Amino acid sequence: MVGTLFDEPGGFDRDRFAATLGRLAAERIYIGTSSWKYEGWIGQIYSRAHYLSRGRFSRKRFEAECLREYAQVFPIVCGDFAFYQFPAPEYWRRLFQQVPPEFRFAFKVPEPVTGSDNPTFLDAEVLRTLFLRPLWPHHEQTALLIFEFTALPPEPRKTFLEKLNPFLEALPPQYRYAVEIRNPDLLTPDYFRCLRNHGVAHVYNAWSRMPELGEQIAIPESATADFAVCRALLRRGRDYQAAVNRFSPYTEIRDPNPEARQAMRMLIGRARDKREMAFLFVNNRLEGNAPLTILSMVEP
């Protein structure tokens, strides 16, 4: 599907889309996007009239309030913003006030804990004190915490599993966790065994230097928890900035990726067969417009 149907009469039906996602969520299959503040979705997920100030579109109002409208369509979102900060309790309170009780969040854990060049790399006490404790009042709506490890240099890779194992062991059991790696050579039996021992999911991630989603799913040891997690971020071989340049402002699909779509359908089917939870997040930079990518996955 190339182009957008949202603004065409008789085209995309937002209410029908929301109902489909709601039915999947009732099966514990949660599908959403990576972040939500995209003006390119106005006329699709968002209604311009909701964000007018004195008759003009207000970007400030849009960014402050659009999560409410997002939550009318999607059951979950991945809060990528958390990768860059330790949010204060007041920030969490304002965020969760914008969504209904049934809405769920996934959050990327702050980079000071997952960046190998930081002194607090894989420091469980820092994570508990600065991130999990302020988040605790909202833990029931926090479906998932994701540890994203950007490409590790050679030396940190050598000791990664040695440090990861005790770190995962020290995590509070009240949260659900997943690990996303960006080094293909770490996709080893020892890595998957480490995650499985702690009930932590491997994130099937579509990324420029990672194996295709279907290849990761096909690894027998890759299902390491009683839930599945997928983040469809980039086409293999395309870097982040190239995707931004090609797809902004994310109003339409410009480069369909049928292989990634089919892989996510496989995960949905597998979750249904096993009656397990699944969390799938799609980024605009995979094809150009995350809502339309998701539509292609869930509509016959």
Protein backbone atom coordinates (compact mmCIF):
# COMPACT_ATOMS: atom_id res chain seq x y z
CA MET A 1 0.00 0.00 0.00
CA VAL A 2 1.62 3.24 -1.13
CA GLY A 3 0.23 6.64 -0.24
CA THR A 4 -2.33 7.53 2.38
CA LEU A 5 -6.02 6.76 2.41
CA PHE A 6 -6.83 8.68 5.56
CA ASP A 7 -8.05 11.84 3.84
CA GLU A 8 -9.90 10.15 1.00
CA PRO A 9 -13.71 9.69 1.25
CA GLY A 10 -14.49 6.07 1.89
CA GLY A 11 -10.81 5.35 2.61
CA PHE A 12 -9.21 4.58 5.95
CA ASP A 13 -11.70 4.08 8.76
CA ARG A 14 -10.08 5.19 12.02
CA ASP A 15 -12.86 3.76 14.17
CA ARG A 16 -12.63 0.41 12.46
CA PHE A 17 -8.86 0.44 12.87
CA ALA A 18 -9.21 1.21 16.59
CA ALA A 19 -11.75 -1.59 16.97
CA THR A 20 -9.42 -4.07 15.30
CA LEU A 21 -6.54 -3.10 17.57
CA GLY A 22 -8.88 -3.30 20.55
CA ARG A 23 -9.89 -6.85 19.67
CA LEU A 24 -6.26 -7.85 19.41
CA ALA A 25 -5.53 -6.21 22.76
CA ALA A 26 -8.35 -8.27 24.26
CA GLU A 27 -6.33 -11.30 23.12
CA ARG A 28 -3.30 -9.73 24.85
CA ILE A 29 -1.68 -8.79 21.54
CA TYR A 30 -0.74 -5.15 21.89
CA ILE A 31 0.23 -3.21 18.77
CA GLY A 32 1.37 0.39 18.79
CA THR A 33 3.99 2.78 17.51
CA SER A 34 7.37 4.09 18.61
CA SER A 35 6.52 7.50 20.07
CA TRP A 36 3.44 9.47 19.06
CA LYS A 37 4.13 13.19 18.45
CA TYR A 38 4.03 13.19 14.65
CA GLU A 39 2.27 16.01 12.84
CA GLY A 40 2.36 13.85 9.72
CA TRP A 41 -0.44 11.79 11.27
CA ILE A 42 -2.82 14.76 11.35
CA GLY A 43 -5.77 13.78 9.20
CA GLN A 44 -4.97 10.18 10.02
CA ILE A 45 -4.76 9.45 13.76
CA TYR A 46 -5.15 13.08 14.77
CA SER A 47 -7.74 15.76 14.04
CA ARG A 48 -6.27 19.18 13.28
CA ALA A 49 -9.27 20.95 14.81
CA HIS A 50 -8.28 19.66 18.27
CA TYR A 51 -5.02 21.60 18.22
CA LEU A 52 -6.05 25.04 17.06
CA SER A 53 -5.26 28.18 19.01
CA ARG A 54 -6.94 31.37 17.76
CA GLY A 55 -7.73 29.58 14.54
CA ARG A 56 -4.16 28.41 13.89
CA PHE A 57 -2.51 25.06 14.45
CA SER A 58 -0.48 25.10 17.67
CA ARG A 59 2.48 22.74 17.68
CA LYS A 60 2.90 23.33 21.41
CA ARG A 61 -0.69 22.31 22.08
CA PHE A 62 -0.37 19.32 19.76
CA GLU A 63 2.73 17.97 21.48
CA ALA A 64 1.22 18.53 24.92
CA GLU A 65 -2.16 16.94 24.22
CA CYS A 66 -2.06 14.52 21.28
CA LEU A 67 -1.42 11.47 23.45
CA ARG A 68 -5.07 11.63 24.52
CA GLU A 69 -6.21 11.23 20.93
CA TYR A 70 -3.57 8.58 20.23
CA ALA A 71 -4.97 6.50 23.10
CA GLN A 72 -8.40 6.53 21.45
CA VAL A 73 -6.94 4.46 18.61
CA PHE A 74 -4.00 2.45 19.95
CA PRO A 75 -3.87 0.30 23.11
CA ILE A 76 -0.15 0.87 23.74
CA VAL A 77 2.82 3.05 22.81
CA CYS A 78 6.56 2.71 23.20
CA GLY A 79 7.92 5.71 25.09
CA ASP A 80 11.28 6.18 23.42
CA PHE A 81 11.73 9.49 25.27
CA ALA A 82 12.68 7.63 28.45
CA PHE A 83 15.95 6.56 26.82
CA TYR A 84 17.19 10.14 27.18
CA GLN A 85 16.21 11.01 30.76
CA PHE A 86 15.23 9.84 34.21
CA PRO A 87 11.72 11.34 34.36
CA ALA A 88 10.65 12.91 37.63
CA PRO A 89 7.52 11.73 39.49
CA GLU A 90 5.58 14.79 38.35
CA TYR A 91 6.41 14.02 34.72
CA TRP A 92 5.10 10.49 35.12
CA ARG A 93 1.95 11.76 36.81
CA ARG A 94 1.15 14.17 33.97
CA LEU A 95 1.87 11.53 31.34
CA PHE A 96 -0.38 8.87 32.79
CA GLN A 97 -3.18 11.35 33.45
CA GLN A 98 -3.59 11.75 29.69
CA VAL A 99 -4.63 8.16 29.00
CA PRO A 100 -7.46 5.87 30.14
CA PRO A 101 -6.74 3.15 32.73
CA GLU A 102 -6.70 0.38 30.14
CA PHE A 103 -3.98 2.05 28.04
CA ARG A 104 -0.48 0.60 28.36
CA PHE A 105 3.04 1.92 27.95
CA ALA A 106 6.35 0.34 27.10
CA PHE A 107 9.41 2.38 28.02
CA LYS A 108 12.99 2.26 26.91
CA VAL A 109 15.25 2.27 29.96
CA PRO A 110 17.49 5.37 30.19
CA GLU A 111 20.73 5.21 28.27
CA PRO A 112 22.96 5.77 31.36
CA VAL A 113 22.05 2.18 32.32
CA THR A 114 22.44 0.63 28.85
CA GLY A 115 25.28 2.65 27.33
CA SER A 116 28.55 0.75 27.69
CA ASP A 117 30.64 3.93 27.99
CA ASN A 118 28.72 5.15 31.05
CA PRO A 119 29.94 4.58 34.63
CA THR A 120 26.43 3.36 35.55
CA PHE A 121 26.32 0.72 32.77
CA LEU A 122 24.14 -2.18 33.94
CA ASP A 123 23.86 -0.70 37.43
CA ALA A 124 20.69 -2.21 38.88
CA GLU A 125 20.67 0.10 41.89
CA VAL A 126 20.71 3.20 39.70
CA LEU A 127 17.86 1.76 37.66
CA ARG A 128 15.79 0.99 40.75
CA THR A 129 16.42 4.33 42.45
CA LEU A 130 16.22 6.77 39.56
CA PHE A 131 13.77 5.05 37.21
CA LEU A 132 11.71 2.24 38.69
CA ARG A 133 10.91 3.90 42.01
CA PRO A 134 9.42 7.09 40.49
CA LEU A 135 7.56 4.93 37.96
CA TRP A 136 6.12 2.57 40.57
CA PRO A 137 2.76 4.40 41.14
CA HIS A 138 2.01 3.62 37.49
CA HIS A 139 3.40 0.10 37.27
CA GLU A 140 0.03 -1.45 36.46
CA GLN A 141 -0.08 0.54 33.22
CA THR A 142 3.57 -0.14 32.46
CA ALA A 143 3.44 -3.24 30.31
CA LEU A 144 7.10 -3.52 29.42
CA LEU A 145 10.57 -2.11 30.01
CA ILE A 146 13.08 -2.39 27.17
CA PHE A 147 16.86 -2.40 27.56
CA GLU A 148 18.17 -1.14 24.24
CA PHE A 149 21.89 -1.77 23.84
CA THR A 150 23.21 0.20 20.90
CA ALA A 151 26.08 -1.42 19.00
CA LEU A 152 28.66 -2.41 21.60
CA PRO A 153 32.38 -1.95 20.86
CA PRO A 154 34.59 -5.08 20.91
CA GLU A 155 35.75 -4.87 24.54
CA PRO A 156 32.29 -4.41 26.14
CA ARG A 157 30.97 -7.23 23.93
CA LYS A 158 33.44 -9.66 25.47
CA THR A 159 32.04 -9.19 28.96
CA PHE A 160 28.45 -8.31 28.06
CA LEU A 161 26.83 -11.57 29.19
CA GLU A 162 28.98 -11.71 32.33
CA LYS A 163 27.52 -8.34 33.35
CA LEU A 164 24.03 -8.85 31.98
CA ASN A 165 23.32 -12.02 33.97
CA PRO A 166 23.71 -10.53 37.49
CA PHE A 167 22.01 -7.33 36.35
CA LEU A 168 18.89 -9.22 35.25
CA GLU A 169 19.04 -11.28 38.44
CA ALA A 170 18.85 -8.09 40.52
CA LEU A 171 15.80 -6.61 38.78
CA PRO A 172 12.49 -6.30 40.67
CA PRO A 173 10.12 -9.06 39.49
CA GLN A 174 7.10 -6.74 39.39
CA TYR A 175 7.98 -5.49 35.90
CA ARG A 176 8.16 -7.26 32.54
CA TYR A 177 11.53 -6.86 30.75
CA ALA A 178 12.98 -7.25 27.27
CA VAL A 179 16.50 -6.87 25.82
CA GLU A 180 17.25 -5.35 22.41
CA ILE A 181 20.75 -5.77 21.02
CA ARG A 182 22.29 -4.25 17.90
CA ASN A 183 25.26 -6.64 17.52
CA PRO A 184 24.37 -9.66 15.36
CA ASP A 185 27.28 -11.68 16.76
CA LEU A 186 25.62 -11.60 20.19
CA LEU A 187 22.71 -13.72 18.94
CA THR A 188 24.21 -16.83 20.50
CA PRO A 189 22.81 -19.74 22.53
CA ASP A 190 24.45 -18.26 25.63
CA TYR A 191 22.67 -14.94 25.10
CA PHE A 192 19.29 -16.56 24.66
CA ARG A 193 19.92 -18.86 27.63
CA CYS A 194 20.73 -15.87 29.82
CA LEU A 195 17.43 -14.18 28.93
CA ARG A 196 15.44 -17.38 29.32
CA ASN A 197 16.86 -18.00 32.79
CA HIS A 198 15.37 -14.69 33.91
CA GLY A 199 12.12 -14.76 31.91
CA VAL A 200 13.28 -11.78 29.84
CA ALA A 201 12.25 -11.48 26.18
CA HIS A 202 14.59 -10.98 23.26
CA VAL A 203 13.37 -8.02 21.20
CA TYR A 204 12.98 -9.02 17.57
CA ASN A 205 14.23 -5.79 16.07
CA ALA A 206 14.31 -4.61 12.47
CA TRP A 207 17.48 -2.53 12.37
CA SER A 208 20.03 -1.54 9.77
CA ARG A 209 22.70 -4.03 10.88
CA MET A 210 20.60 -6.79 12.42
CA PRO A 211 19.34 -9.94 10.67
CA GLU A 212 15.87 -9.63 9.17
CA LEU A 213 12.97 -10.14 11.58
CA GLY A 214 12.10 -13.47 9.97
CA GLU A 215 15.65 -14.72 10.47
CA GLN A 216 15.60 -13.80 14.15
CA ILE A 217 12.22 -15.43 14.68
CA ALA A 218 13.50 -18.60 13.02
CA ILE A 219 16.28 -19.02 15.62
CA PRO A 220 14.95 -21.89 17.79
CA GLU A 221 16.26 -20.43 21.05
CA SER A 222 14.95 -16.91 20.42
CA ALA A 223 11.63 -17.29 22.26
CA THR A 224 13.01 -16.65 25.74
CA ALA A 225 9.89 -15.60 27.69
CA ASP A 226 6.17 -16.28 27.85
CA PHE A 227 5.60 -13.11 25.82
CA ALA A 228 7.04 -11.78 22.57
CA VAL A 229 8.38 -8.33 21.75
CA CYS A 230 9.06 -6.81 18.34
CA ARG A 231 10.28 -3.38 17.32
CA ALA A 232 10.18 -2.71 13.59
CA LEU A 233 12.49 0.27 13.26
CA LEU A 234 14.52 0.36 10.04
CA ARG A 235 15.02 -1.59 6.84
CA ARG A 236 18.19 -3.63 6.94
CA GLY A 237 21.06 -1.71 5.32
CA ARG A 238 19.49 1.76 5.79
CA ASP A 239 20.81 4.01 8.51
CA TYR A 240 18.66 6.17 10.73
CA GLN A 241 19.41 9.54 9.17
CA ALA A 242 18.82 8.22 5.66
CA ALA A 243 15.36 7.04 6.78
CA VAL A 244 14.58 10.42 8.35
CA ASN A 245 15.61 12.23 5.20
CA ARG A 246 13.58 9.94 2.96
CA PHE A 247 10.37 9.61 4.99
CA SER A 248 9.81 12.87 6.89
CA PRO A 249 7.20 14.14 7.67
CA TYR A 250 5.85 10.58 7.76
CA THR A 251 2.54 11.12 5.98
CA GLU A 252 2.62 8.04 3.75
CA ILE A 253 4.28 4.73 3.02
CA ARG A 254 7.13 5.29 0.61
CA ASP A 255 9.03 2.01 0.78
CA PRO A 256 6.84 -1.03 1.55
CA ASN A 257 8.59 -3.81 3.44
CA PRO A 258 6.46 -6.94 2.94
CA GLU A 259 9.03 -9.19 4.64
CA ALA A 260 8.86 -7.21 7.89
CA ARG A 261 5.06 -7.13 7.76
CA GLN A 262 4.90 -10.89 7.26
CA ALA A 263 7.31 -11.48 10.14
CA MET A 264 5.08 -9.46 12.46
CA ARG A 265 2.04 -11.40 11.26
CA MET A 266 3.95 -14.56 12.18
CA LEU A 267 4.48 -13.26 15.71
CA ILE A 268 0.80 -12.40 16.02
CA GLY A 269 -0.15 -15.89 14.82
CA ARG A 270 2.32 -17.53 17.16
CA ALA A 271 1.03 -15.55 20.14
CA ARG A 272 -2.51 -16.61 19.30
CA ASP A 273 -1.53 -20.26 18.93
CA LYS A 274 0.32 -20.26 22.25
CA ARG A 275 -2.17 -17.93 23.94
CA GLU A 276 0.72 -15.74 25.01
CA MET A 277 1.16 -11.99 25.16
CA ALA A 278 2.82 -10.08 22.36
CA PHE A 279 3.96 -6.47 22.05
CA LEU A 280 4.65 -5.08 18.57
CA PHE A 281 5.87 -1.56 17.92
CA VAL A 282 6.27 0.00 14.48
CA ASN A 283 8.38 3.04 13.69
CA ASN A 284 7.69 5.58 10.95
CA ARG A 285 11.20 4.98 9.66
CA LEU A 286 10.47 1.39 8.66
CA GLU A 287 8.27 2.29 5.66
CA GLY A 288 7.35 5.94 6.06
CA ASN A 289 4.10 5.88 8.06
CA ALA A 290 3.67 3.59 11.06
CA PRO A 291 -0.17 3.62 11.23
CA LEU A 292 -0.44 2.47 7.62
CA THR A 293 2.17 -0.25 8.19
CA ILE A 294 0.13 -1.51 11.12
CA LEU A 295 -3.05 -1.33 9.09
CA SER A 296 -1.44 -3.57 6.46
CA MET A 297 -0.67 -6.13 9.18
CA VAL A 298 -4.04 -6.31 10.90
CA GLU A 299 -6.55 -5.86 8.09
CA PRO A 300 -7.34 -8.77 5.73
